[in-house]
Amino acid sequence: IRFIHITAVFILVIITESNVTFGLEPPQDVKIVGSDLQWKPLNDDNVL
């Protein structure tokens, strides 16, 4: 039963990772200005 549980968790992690894609546009102009790390946000308010 323990082996089946570990296998299920492993499969769930693989499924979760497989749902993550790298197709999102990255933040632009990441730089340090004075004492601030800043970057330009995307034109999408839902992006974190």
All heavy atoms as atom14 arrays in JSON, in Angstrom:
{
  "sequence": "IRFIHITAVFILVIITESNVTFGLEPPQDVKIVGSDLQWKPLNDDNVL",
  "atom14_mask": [
    [1, 1, 1, 1, 1, 1, 1, 1, 0, 0, 0, 0, 0, 0],
    [1, 1, 1, 1, 1, 1, 1, 1, 1, 1, 1, 0, 0, 0],
    [1, 1, 1, 1, 1, 1, 1, 1, 1, 1, 1, 0, 0, 0],
    [1, 1, 1, 1, 1, 1, 1, 1, 0, 0, 0, 0, 0, 0],
    [1, 1, 1, 1, 1, 1, 1, 1, 1, 1, 0, 0, 0, 0],
    [1, 1, 1, 1, 1, 1, 1, 1, 0, 0, 0, 0, 0, 0],
    [1, 1, 1, 1, 1, 1, 1, 0, 0, 0, 0, 0, 0, 0],
    [1, 1, 1, 1, 1, 0, 0, 0, 0, 0, 0, 0, 0, 0],
    [1, 1, 1, 1, 1, 1, 1, 0, 0, 0, 0, 0, 0, 0],
    [1, 1, 1, 1, 1, 1, 1, 1, 1, 1, 1, 0, 0, 0],
    [1, 1, 1, 1, 1, 1, 1, 1, 0, 0, 0, 0, 0, 0],
    [1, 1, 1, 1, 1, 1, 1, 1, 0, 0, 0, 0, 0, 0],
    [1, 1, 1, 1, 1, 1, 1, 0, 0, 0, 0, 0, 0, 0],
    [1, 1, 1, 1, 1, 1, 1, 1, 0, 0, 0, 0, 0, 0],
    [1, 1, 1, 1, 1, 1, 1, 1, 0, 0, 0, 0, 0, 0],
    [1, 1, 1, 1, 1, 1, 1, 0, 0, 0, 0, 0, 0, 0],
    [1, 1, 1, 1, 1, 1, 1, 1, 1, 0, 0, 0, 0, 0],
    [1, 1, 1, 1, 1, 1, 0, 0, 0, 0, 0, 0, 0, 0],
    [1, 1, 1, 1, 1, 1, 1, 1, 0, 0, 0, 0, 0, 0],
    [1, 1, 1, 1, 1, 1, 1, 0, 0, 0, 0, 0, 0, 0],
    [1, 1, 1, 1, 1, 1, 1, 0, 0, 0, 0, 0, 0, 0],
    [1, 1, 1, 1, 1, 1, 1, 1, 1, 1, 1, 0, 0, 0],
    [1, 1, 1, 1, 0, 0, 0, 0, 0, 0, 0, 0, 0, 0],
    [1, 1, 1, 1, 1, 1, 1, 1, 0, 0, 0, 0, 0, 0],
    [1, 1, 1, 1, 1, 1, 1, 1, 1, 0, 0, 0, 0, 0],
    [1, 1, 1, 1, 1, 1, 1, 0, 0, 0, 0, 0, 0, 0],
    [1, 1, 1, 1, 1, 1, 1, 0, 0, 0, 0, 0, 0, 0],
    [1, 1, 1, 1, 1, 1, 1, 1, 1, 0, 0, 0, 0, 0],
    [1, 1, 1, 1, 1, 1, 1, 1, 0, 0, 0, 0, 0, 0],
    [1, 1, 1, 1, 1, 1, 1, 0, 0, 0, 0, 0, 0, 0],
    [1, 1, 1, 1, 1, 1, 1, 1, 1, 0, 0, 0, 0, 0],
    [1, 1, 1, 1, 1, 1, 1, 1, 0, 0, 0, 0, 0, 0],
    [1, 1, 1, 1, 1, 1, 1, 0, 0, 0, 0, 0, 0, 0],
    [1, 1, 1, 1, 0, 0, 0, 0, 0, 0, 0, 0, 0, 0],
    [1, 1, 1, 1, 1, 1, 0, 0, 0, 0, 0, 0, 0, 0],
    [1, 1, 1, 1, 1, 1, 1, 1, 0, 0, 0, 0, 0, 0],
    [1, 1, 1, 1, 1, 1, 1, 1, 0, 0, 0, 0, 0, 0],
    [1, 1, 1, 1, 1, 1, 1, 1, 1, 0, 0, 0, 0, 0],
    [1, 1, 1, 1, 1, 1, 1, 1, 1, 1, 1, 1, 1, 1],
    [1, 1, 1, 1, 1, 1, 1, 1, 1, 0, 0, 0, 0, 0],
    [1, 1, 1, 1, 1, 1, 1, 0, 0, 0, 0, 0, 0, 0],
    [1, 1, 1, 1, 1, 1, 1, 1, 0, 0, 0, 0, 0, 0],
    [1, 1, 1, 1, 1, 1, 1, 1, 0, 0, 0, 0, 0, 0],
    [1, 1, 1, 1, 1, 1, 1, 1, 0, 0, 0, 0, 0, 0],
    [1, 1, 1, 1, 1, 1, 1, 1, 0, 0, 0, 0, 0, 0],
    [1, 1, 1, 1, 1, 1, 1, 1, 0, 0, 0, 0, 0, 0],
    [1, 1, 1, 1, 1, 1, 1, 0, 0, 0, 0, 0, 0, 0],
    [1, 1, 1, 1, 1, 1, 1, 1, 0, 0, 0, 0, 0, 0]
  ],
  "atom14_positions": [
    [[0.84, -1.2, 0.0], [0.0, 0.0, 0.0], [0.87, 1.25, 0.0], [0.56, 2.23, -0.68], [-0.94, -0.03, 1.22], [-1.88, -1.24, 1.14], [-1.74, 1.27, 1.32], [-2.77, -1.39, 2.35], [0.0, 0.0, 0.0], [0.0, 0.0, 0.0], [0.0, 0.0, 0.0], [0.0, 0.0, 0.0], [0.0, 0.0, 0.0], [0.0, 0.0, 0.0]],
    [[1.99, 1.22, 0.76], [2.89, 2.38, 0.8], [3.51, 2.63, -0.57], [3.65, 3.78, -1.01], [3.99, 2.11, 1.83], [4.92, 3.3, 2.02], [5.95, 2.99, 3.09], [6.86, 4.1, 3.27], [7.87, 4.08, 4.12], [8.09, 2.99, 4.88], [8.66, 5.13, 4.23], [0.0, 0.0, 0.0], [0.0, 0.0, 0.0], [0.0, 0.0, 0.0]],
    [[3.87, 1.57, -1.27], [4.45, 1.72, -2.61], [3.44, 2.35, -3.56], [3.79, 3.22, -4.37], [4.91, 0.35, -3.12], [5.43, 0.38, -4.52], [6.68, 0.88, -4.82], [4.63, -0.1, -5.56], [7.14, 0.91, -6.12], [5.1, -0.08, -6.87], [6.37, 0.43, -7.15], [0.0, 0.0, 0.0], [0.0, 0.0, 0.0], [0.0, 0.0, 0.0]],
    [[2.17, 1.92, -3.46], [1.13, 2.49, -4.33], [0.93, 3.96, -4.03], [0.76, 4.79, -4.95], [-0.18, 1.69, -4.15], [0.0, 0.25, -4.63], [-1.32, 2.36, -4.9], [-1.2, -0.64, -4.35], [0.0, 0.0, 0.0], [0.0, 0.0, 0.0], [0.0, 0.0, 0.0], [0.0, 0.0, 0.0], [0.0, 0.0, 0.0], [0.0, 0.0, 0.0]],
    [[1.0, 4.34, -2.76], [0.82, 5.74, -2.37], [1.94, 6.61, -2.93], [1.69, 7.7, -3.48], [0.77, 5.83, -0.85], [0.64, 7.24, -0.34], [-0.53, 7.96, -0.47], [1.53, 8.05, 0.29], [-0.37, 9.15, 0.05], [0.89, 9.23, 0.53], [0.0, 0.0, 0.0], [0.0, 0.0, 0.0], [0.0, 0.0, 0.0], [0.0, 0.0, 0.0]],
    [[3.2, 6.16, -2.79], [4.33, 6.92, -3.31], [4.24, 7.05, -4.82], [4.5, 8.12, -5.41], [5.65, 6.25, -2.9], [5.81, 6.29, -1.37], [6.83, 6.91, -3.57], [7.01, 5.54, -0.86], [0.0, 0.0, 0.0], [0.0, 0.0, 0.0], [0.0, 0.0, 0.0], [0.0, 0.0, 0.0], [0.0, 0.0, 0.0], [0.0, 0.0, 0.0]],
    [[3.83, 6.0, -5.49], [3.7, 6.05, -6.96], [2.63, 7.05, -7.37], [2.8, 7.82, -8.35], [3.36, 4.65, -7.49], [4.34, 3.71, -7.04], [3.32, 4.66, -9.0], [0.0, 0.0, 0.0], [0.0, 0.0, 0.0], [0.0, 0.0, 0.0], [0.0, 0.0, 0.0], [0.0, 0.0, 0.0], [0.0, 0.0, 0.0], [0.0, 0.0, 0.0]],
    [[1.53, 7.08, -6.64], [0.45, 8.02, -6.97], [0.9, 9.46, -6.81], [0.6, 10.33, -7.64], [-0.76, 7.73, -6.1], [0.0, 0.0, 0.0], [0.0, 0.0, 0.0], [0.0, 0.0, 0.0], [0.0, 0.0, 0.0], [0.0, 0.0, 0.0], [0.0, 0.0, 0.0], [0.0, 0.0, 0.0], [0.0, 0.0, 0.0], [0.0, 0.0, 0.0]],
    [[1.65, 9.74, -5.72], [2.15, 11.11, -5.51], [3.12, 11.5, -6.6], [3.09, 12.62, -7.12], [2.81, 11.2, -4.11], [3.52, 12.55, -3.94], [1.77, 11.02, -3.02], [0.0, 0.0, 0.0], [0.0, 0.0, 0.0], [0.0, 0.0, 0.0], [0.0, 0.0, 0.0], [0.0, 0.0, 0.0], [0.0, 0.0, 0.0], [0.0, 0.0, 0.0]],
    [[3.98, 10.57, -7.01], [4.95, 10.85, -8.07], [4.24, 11.16, -9.39], [4.61, 12.1, -10.1], [5.89, 9.65, -8.21], [6.93, 9.83, -9.27], [7.99, 10.7, -9.08], [6.85, 9.12, -10.47], [8.95, 10.87, -10.05], [7.79, 9.29, -11.45], [8.86, 10.16, -11.24], [0.0, 0.0, 0.0], [0.0, 0.0, 0.0], [0.0, 0.0, 0.0]],
    [[3.22, 10.39, -9.7], [2.48, 10.62, -10.94], [1.77, 11.97, -10.89], [1.72, 12.71, -11.88], [1.47, 9.47, -11.17], [2.23, 8.16, -11.42], [0.54, 9.8, -12.34], [1.32, 6.94, -11.49], [0.0, 0.0, 0.0], [0.0, 0.0, 0.0], [0.0, 0.0, 0.0], [0.0, 0.0, 0.0], [0.0, 0.0, 0.0], [0.0, 0.0, 0.0]],
    [[1.24, 12.34, -9.7], [0.55, 13.61, -9.56], [1.5, 14.78, -9.77], [1.15, 15.78, -10.42], [-0.09, 13.7, -8.16], [-0.88, 14.97, -7.85], [-2.05, 15.13, -8.83], [-1.37, 14.96, -6.42], [0.0, 0.0, 0.0], [0.0, 0.0, 0.0], [0.0, 0.0, 0.0], [0.0, 0.0, 0.0], [0.0, 0.0, 0.0], [0.0, 0.0, 0.0]],
    [[2.72, 14.64, -9.26], [3.71, 15.7, -9.45], [4.07, 15.84, -10.92], [4.19, 16.95, -11.45], [4.97, 15.41, -8.59], [6.1, 16.37, -8.96], [4.63, 15.52, -7.12], [0.0, 0.0, 0.0], [0.0, 0.0, 0.0], [0.0, 0.0, 0.0], [0.0, 0.0, 0.0], [0.0, 0.0, 0.0], [0.0, 0.0, 0.0], [0.0, 0.0, 0.0]],
    [[4.22, 14.7, -11.6], [4.56, 14.75, -13.03], [3.43, 15.42, -13.81], [3.66, 16.25, -14.71], [4.84, 13.33, -13.56], [6.1, 12.76, -12.91], [4.96, 13.34, -15.07], [6.39, 11.33, -13.32], [0.0, 0.0, 0.0], [0.0, 0.0, 0.0], [0.0, 0.0, 0.0], [0.0, 0.0, 0.0], [0.0, 0.0, 0.0], [0.0, 0.0, 0.0]],
    [[2.2, 15.1, -13.45], [1.06, 15.7, -14.17], [1.01, 17.2, -13.93], [0.76, 18.0, -14.85], [-0.26, 15.02, -13.72], [-0.27, 13.56, -14.16], [-1.46, 15.76, -14.26], [-1.47, 12.78, -13.63], [0.0, 0.0, 0.0], [0.0, 0.0, 0.0], [0.0, 0.0, 0.0], [0.0, 0.0, 0.0], [0.0, 0.0, 0.0], [0.0, 0.0, 0.0]],
    [[1.28, 17.59, -12.66], [1.25, 19.02, -12.34], [2.33, 19.77, -13.1], [2.1, 20.85, -13.64], [1.44, 19.21, -10.82], [0.4, 18.48, -10.15], [1.34, 20.67, -10.44], [0.0, 0.0, 0.0], [0.0, 0.0, 0.0], [0.0, 0.0, 0.0], [0.0, 0.0, 0.0], [0.0, 0.0, 0.0], [0.0, 0.0, 0.0], [0.0, 0.0, 0.0]],
    [[3.53, 19.2, -13.12], [4.62, 19.85, -13.83], [4.37, 19.88, -15.33], [4.75, 20.82, -16.02], [5.94, 19.13, -13.54], [6.42, 19.29, -12.1], [6.81, 20.72, -11.79], [7.2, 21.44, -12.73], [6.71, 21.12, -10.61], [0.0, 0.0, 0.0], [0.0, 0.0, 0.0], [0.0, 0.0, 0.0], [0.0, 0.0, 0.0], [0.0, 0.0, 0.0]],
    [[3.72, 18.84, -15.82], [3.46, 18.8, -17.27], [2.44, 19.85, -17.7], [2.41, 20.26, -18.85], [2.97, 17.39, -17.66], [1.74, 17.1, -17.01], [0.0, 0.0, 0.0], [0.0, 0.0, 0.0], [0.0, 0.0, 0.0], [0.0, 0.0, 0.0], [0.0, 0.0, 0.0], [0.0, 0.0, 0.0], [0.0, 0.0, 0.0], [0.0, 0.0, 0.0]],
    [[1.63, 20.29, -16.73], [0.64, 21.32, -17.07], [1.25, 22.71, -17.12], [0.62, 23.65, -17.58], [-0.5, 21.29, -16.04], [-1.35, 20.03, -16.17], [-1.44, 19.46, -17.26], [-1.95, 19.59, -15.06], [0.0, 0.0, 0.0], [0.0, 0.0, 0.0], [0.0, 0.0, 0.0], [0.0, 0.0, 0.0], [0.0, 0.0, 0.0], [0.0, 0.0, 0.0]],
    [[2.49, 22.87, -16.56], [3.16, 24.17, -16.58], [3.92, 24.31, -17.89], [4.73, 23.46, -18.25], [4.11, 24.3, -15.38], [4.85, 25.62, -15.44], [3.34, 24.17, -14.08], [0.0, 0.0, 0.0], [0.0, 0.0, 0.0], [0.0, 0.0, 0.0], [0.0, 0.0, 0.0], [0.0, 0.0, 0.0], [0.0, 0.0, 0.0], [0.0, 0.0, 0.0]],
    [[3.69, 25.39, -18.56], [4.35, 25.64, -19.85], [5.18, 26.91, -19.76], [4.96, 27.76, -18.89], [3.31, 25.77, -20.97], [2.44, 26.89, -20.66], [2.49, 24.51, -21.09], [0.0, 0.0, 0.0], [0.0, 0.0, 0.0], [0.0, 0.0, 0.0], [0.0, 0.0, 0.0], [0.0, 0.0, 0.0], [0.0, 0.0, 0.0], [0.0, 0.0, 0.0]],
    [[6.15, 27.03, -20.67], [7.05, 28.18, -20.68], [6.72, 29.13, -21.82], [7.58, 29.83, -22.33], [8.5, 27.7, -20.82], [8.99, 26.97, -19.59], [8.85, 25.6, -19.49], [9.59, 27.66, -18.56], [9.31, 24.92, -18.37], [10.05, 26.98, -17.44], [9.9, 25.62, -17.36], [0.0, 0.0, 0.0], [0.0, 0.0, 0.0], [0.0, 0.0, 0.0]],
    [[5.5, 29.2, -22.18], [5.13, 30.05, -23.31], [4.85, 31.5, -22.95], [4.57, 32.3, -23.85], [0.0, 0.0, 0.0], [0.0, 0.0, 0.0], [0.0, 0.0, 0.0], [0.0, 0.0, 0.0], [0.0, 0.0, 0.0], [0.0, 0.0, 0.0], [0.0, 0.0, 0.0], [0.0, 0.0, 0.0], [0.0, 0.0, 0.0], [0.0, 0.0, 0.0]],
    [[4.95, 31.85, -21.65], [4.63, 33.22, -21.24], [5.81, 34.14, -21.5], [6.97, 33.76, -21.36], [4.26, 33.25, -19.75], [3.63, 34.54, -19.23], [2.29, 34.81, -19.91], [3.43, 34.45, -17.72], [0.0, 0.0, 0.0], [0.0, 0.0, 0.0], [0.0, 0.0, 0.0], [0.0, 0.0, 0.0], [0.0, 0.0, 0.0], [0.0, 0.0, 0.0]],
    [[5.47, 35.36, -21.87], [6.52, 36.36, -22.16], [7.2, 36.78, -20.85], [6.55, 37.05, -19.86], [5.89, 37.58, -22.83], [6.9, 38.64, -23.22], [6.26, 39.84, -23.87], [5.03, 39.81, -24.06], [6.98, 40.8, -24.17], [0.0, 0.0, 0.0], [0.0, 0.0, 0.0], [0.0, 0.0, 0.0], [0.0, 0.0, 0.0], [0.0, 0.0, 0.0]],
    [[8.53, 36.84, -20.81], [9.25, 37.2, -19.58], [9.19, 38.71, -19.33], [8.92, 39.49, -20.25], [10.68, 36.74, -19.86], [10.82, 36.84, -21.34], [9.47, 36.48, -21.91], [0.0, 0.0, 0.0], [0.0, 0.0, 0.0], [0.0, 0.0, 0.0], [0.0, 0.0, 0.0], [0.0, 0.0, 0.0], [0.0, 0.0, 0.0], [0.0, 0.0, 0.0]],
    [[9.47, 39.14, -18.09], [9.54, 40.58, -17.81], [10.73, 41.2, -18.54], [11.76, 40.54, -18.75], [9.7, 40.64, -16.29], [10.27, 39.33, -15.91], [9.71, 38.33, -16.87], [0.0, 0.0, 0.0], [0.0, 0.0, 0.0], [0.0, 0.0, 0.0], [0.0, 0.0, 0.0], [0.0, 0.0, 0.0], [0.0, 0.0, 0.0], [0.0, 0.0, 0.0]],
    [[10.6, 42.45, -18.89], [11.61, 43.12, -19.68], [12.43, 44.09, -18.82], [11.96, 44.61, -17.82], [10.93, 43.89, -20.84], [10.13, 43.01, -21.77], [10.99, 41.99, -22.49], [12.1, 42.29, -22.95], [10.51, 40.76, -22.57], [0.0, 0.0, 0.0], [0.0, 0.0, 0.0], [0.0, 0.0, 0.0], [0.0, 0.0, 0.0], [0.0, 0.0, 0.0]],
    [[13.65, 44.29, -19.3], [14.53, 45.32, -18.72], [14.72, 45.14, -17.21], [14.5, 46.07, -16.42], [13.98, 46.72, -19.03], [15.06, 47.79, -18.92], [16.25, 47.43, -18.88], [14.7, 48.99, -18.83], [0.0, 0.0, 0.0], [0.0, 0.0, 0.0], [0.0, 0.0, 0.0], [0.0, 0.0, 0.0], [0.0, 0.0, 0.0], [0.0, 0.0, 0.0]],
    [[15.12, 43.92, -16.81], [15.4, 43.66, -15.39], [16.77, 44.28, -15.07], [17.79, 43.91, -15.66], [15.41, 42.15, -15.09], [15.79, 41.91, -13.64], [14.06, 41.54, -15.42], [0.0, 0.0, 0.0], [0.0, 0.0, 0.0], [0.0, 0.0, 0.0], [0.0, 0.0, 0.0], [0.0, 0.0, 0.0], [0.0, 0.0, 0.0], [0.0, 0.0, 0.0]],
    [[16.78, 45.22, -14.15], [18.02, 45.92, -13.82], [17.94, 46.5, -12.42], [16.86, 46.56, -11.8], [18.29, 47.03, -14.83], [17.22, 48.1, -14.9], [17.52, 49.12, -15.97], [16.4, 50.17, -16.06], [16.69, 51.17, -17.12], [0.0, 0.0, 0.0], [0.0, 0.0, 0.0], [0.0, 0.0, 0.0], [0.0, 0.0, 0.0], [0.0, 0.0, 0.0]],
    [[19.11, 46.93, -11.94], [19.21, 47.55, -10.63], [19.47, 49.03, -10.83], [20.46, 49.42, -11.46], [20.34, 46.92, -9.79], [20.07, 45.43, -9.57], [20.48, 47.63, -8.44], [21.19, 44.7, -8.83], [0.0, 0.0, 0.0], [0.0, 0.0, 0.0], [0.0, 0.0, 0.0], [0.0, 0.0, 0.0], [0.0, 0.0, 0.0], [0.0, 0.0, 0.0]],
    [[18.58, 49.86, -10.34], [18.7, 51.31, -10.43], [18.81, 51.86, -9.02], [17.86, 51.77, -8.24], [17.49, 51.94, -11.15], [17.65, 53.45, -11.22], [17.34, 51.34, -12.55], [0.0, 0.0, 0.0], [0.0, 0.0, 0.0], [0.0, 0.0, 0.0], [0.0, 0.0, 0.0], [0.0, 0.0, 0.0], [0.0, 0.0, 0.0], [0.0, 0.0, 0.0]],
    [[19.97, 52.4, -8.71], [20.18, 52.86, -7.34], [20.11, 51.69, -6.39], [20.91, 50.75, -6.46], [0.0, 0.0, 0.0], [0.0, 0.0, 0.0], [0.0, 0.0, 0.0], [0.0, 0.0, 0.0], [0.0, 0.0, 0.0], [0.0, 0.0, 0.0], [0.0, 0.0, 0.0], [0.0, 0.0, 0.0], [0.0, 0.0, 0.0], [0.0, 0.0, 0.0]],
    [[19.17, 51.74, -5.45], [18.97, 50.64, -4.5], [17.72, 49.83, -4.81], [17.23, 49.1, -3.94], [18.89, 51.2, -3.07], [20.09, 51.85, -2.72], [0.0, 0.0, 0.0], [0.0, 0.0, 0.0], [0.0, 0.0, 0.0], [0.0, 0.0, 0.0], [0.0, 0.0, 0.0], [0.0, 0.0, 0.0], [0.0, 0.0, 0.0], [0.0, 0.0, 0.0]],
    [[17.19, 49.93, -6.03], [15.96, 49.24, -6.41], [16.21, 48.25, -7.54], [16.88, 48.58, -8.53], [14.89, 50.23, -6.86], [14.41, 51.11, -5.71], [14.4, 50.62, -4.57], [14.06, 52.28, -5.95], [0.0, 0.0, 0.0], [0.0, 0.0, 0.0], [0.0, 0.0, 0.0], [0.0, 0.0, 0.0], [0.0, 0.0, 0.0], [0.0, 0.0, 0.0]],
    [[15.68, 47.03, -7.34], [15.59, 46.07, -8.44], [14.23, 46.3, -9.11], [13.19, 46.21, -8.45], [15.69, 44.65, -7.9], [15.41, 43.53, -8.91], [16.51, 43.47, -9.97], [15.26, 42.18, -8.21], [0.0, 0.0, 0.0], [0.0, 0.0, 0.0], [0.0, 0.0, 0.0], [0.0, 0.0, 0.0], [0.0, 0.0, 0.0], [0.0, 0.0, 0.0]],
    [[14.24, 46.56, -10.41], [12.98, 46.86, -11.09], [12.97, 46.24, -12.48], [14.0, 45.88, -13.04], [12.78, 48.39, -11.18], [13.88, 49.14, -11.9], [13.71, 50.64, -11.81], [13.2, 51.17, -10.83], [14.16, 51.36, -12.83], [0.0, 0.0, 0.0], [0.0, 0.0, 0.0], [0.0, 0.0, 0.0], [0.0, 0.0, 0.0], [0.0, 0.0, 0.0]],
    [[11.77, 46.12, -13.03], [11.57, 45.55, -14.36], [10.28, 46.12, -14.96], [9.42, 46.65, -14.25], [11.49, 44.02, -14.29], [10.42, 43.51, -13.37], [9.14, 43.19, -13.68], [10.54, 43.28, -11.96], [8.44, 42.78, -12.6], [9.28, 42.81, -11.52], [11.57, 43.41, -11.03], [9.04, 42.49, -10.2], [11.33, 43.08, -9.72], [10.08, 42.63, -9.31]],
    [[10.15, 45.99, -16.26], [8.95, 46.48, -16.95], [7.89, 45.39, -16.95], [8.14, 44.27, -17.4], [9.29, 46.88, -18.38], [10.15, 48.14, -18.48], [10.41, 48.5, -19.93], [11.25, 49.77, -20.03], [11.5, 50.14, -21.46], [0.0, 0.0, 0.0], [0.0, 0.0, 0.0], [0.0, 0.0, 0.0], [0.0, 0.0, 0.0], [0.0, 0.0, 0.0]],
    [[6.69, 45.71, -16.5], [5.63, 44.69, -16.46], [5.05, 44.43, -17.86], [5.22, 45.23, -18.79], [4.6, 45.3, -15.53], [4.79, 46.78, -15.69], [6.24, 47.0, -15.93], [0.0, 0.0, 0.0], [0.0, 0.0, 0.0], [0.0, 0.0, 0.0], [0.0, 0.0, 0.0], [0.0, 0.0, 0.0], [0.0, 0.0, 0.0], [0.0, 0.0, 0.0]],
    [[4.38, 43.3, -17.98], [3.71, 42.98, -19.24], [2.37, 43.73, -19.33], [1.85, 44.23, -18.33], [3.46, 41.47, -19.32], [4.71, 40.57, -19.22], [4.3, 39.11, -19.33], [5.71, 40.93, -20.31], [0.0, 0.0, 0.0], [0.0, 0.0, 0.0], [0.0, 0.0, 0.0], [0.0, 0.0, 0.0], [0.0, 0.0, 0.0], [0.0, 0.0, 0.0]],
    [[1.84, 43.79, -20.5], [0.56, 44.47, -20.7], [-0.6, 43.55, -20.36], [-1.54, 43.36, -21.16], [0.44, 44.95, -22.16], [1.47, 46.02, -22.48], [1.81, 46.83, -21.63], [1.96, 46.01, -23.73], [0.0, 0.0, 0.0], [0.0, 0.0, 0.0], [0.0, 0.0, 0.0], [0.0, 0.0, 0.0], [0.0, 0.0, 0.0], [0.0, 0.0, 0.0]],
    [[-0.53, 42.99, -19.2], [-1.57, 42.06, -18.75], [-1.64, 42.17, -17.23], [-0.68, 41.83, -16.53], [-1.25, 40.63, -19.19], [-2.43, 39.69, -18.95], [-3.34, 40.06, -18.18], [-2.41, 38.59, -19.52], [0.0, 0.0, 0.0], [0.0, 0.0, 0.0], [0.0, 0.0, 0.0], [0.0, 0.0, 0.0], [0.0, 0.0, 0.0], [0.0, 0.0, 0.0]],
    [[-2.76, 42.63, -16.72], [-2.9, 42.82, -15.28], [-2.99, 41.51, -14.51], [-2.86, 41.51, -13.28], [-4.15, 43.67, -14.99], [-4.02, 45.08, -15.55], [-2.85, 45.52, -15.75], [-5.05, 45.74, -15.78], [0.0, 0.0, 0.0], [0.0, 0.0, 0.0], [0.0, 0.0, 0.0], [0.0, 0.0, 0.0], [0.0, 0.0, 0.0], [0.0, 0.0, 0.0]],
    [[-3.2, 40.4, -15.18], [-3.32, 39.1, -14.51], [-1.97, 38.4, -14.34], [-1.9, 37.32, -13.76], [-4.27, 38.19, -15.28], [-5.7, 38.73, -15.28], [-6.14, 39.3, -14.27], [-6.4, 38.58, -16.39], [0.0, 0.0, 0.0], [0.0, 0.0, 0.0], [0.0, 0.0, 0.0], [0.0, 0.0, 0.0], [0.0, 0.0, 0.0], [0.0, 0.0, 0.0]],
    [[-0.95, 38.99, -14.87], [0.38, 38.39, -14.79], [1.0, 38.73, -13.42], [0.96, 39.88, -12.98], [1.29, 38.88, -15.92], [2.72, 38.36, -15.74], [0.74, 38.44, -17.26], [0.0, 0.0, 0.0], [0.0, 0.0, 0.0], [0.0, 0.0, 0.0], [0.0, 0.0, 0.0], [0.0, 0.0, 0.0], [0.0, 0.0, 0.0], [0.0, 0.0, 0.0]],
    [[1.57, 37.7, -12.78], [2.27, 37.87, -11.5], [3.78, 37.67, -11.71], [4.21, 37.11, -12.74], [1.74, 36.87, -10.47], [0.23, 36.92, -10.2], [-0.16, 35.84, -9.19], [-0.2, 38.29, -9.7], [0.0, 0.0, 0.0], [0.0, 0.0, 0.0], [0.0, 0.0, 0.0], [0.0, 0.0, 0.0], [0.0, 0.0, 0.0], [0.0, 0.0, 0.0]]
  ]
}
